[in-house]
């Protein structure tokens, strides 16, 4: 669901239709991370599980703050809407799929078929992220210049949600 929300934020704040492209990145990472988690097993998981929420929080917050700063510039640049690049997509995909890494370990404990599970997770993420982005793009025209600010704010809220969920448990 984090990937869906981020896809929606991107659609709201972007000047291009990135539906399939963004969803493909998120779906790919959601497919790859359980496989990596399964392959790397308990040893590596012990180290990442204590900081995964901090990594996601920092990455999403930085990107969200950058979007908000760009949105609040009072020059001609205010009409410039957030442009997506590979580095940003990589960080967003990683931040929204870190938990999927731990899922890979769970898959091995439950003796579930790894590739089938990973493909189902990835396809579900792809489809829901595409649908979320399409719906968000429909509402973008009502938001005007505030779209980039809202997109950045949503990313920061997701970052805070991820951090709070992990700190509570």
Foldseek 3Di string as FASTA:
>chain_A
DLLQLLLLLCLLQDPDQCQQVLLLLLLVLLLVQLVQLLVVDDPVCVVCLVCLLVLLLVLLLVVLVVLQVQCPDPDPSLQPTDDDDPVNSNSSSSSVRNVSNNVSNVCVVVVHDSNVVSNVRSVVSSVSNSVSSVVSNVCSVVCHSCSSNVSSVSSNVSSVVSNVVSVVD
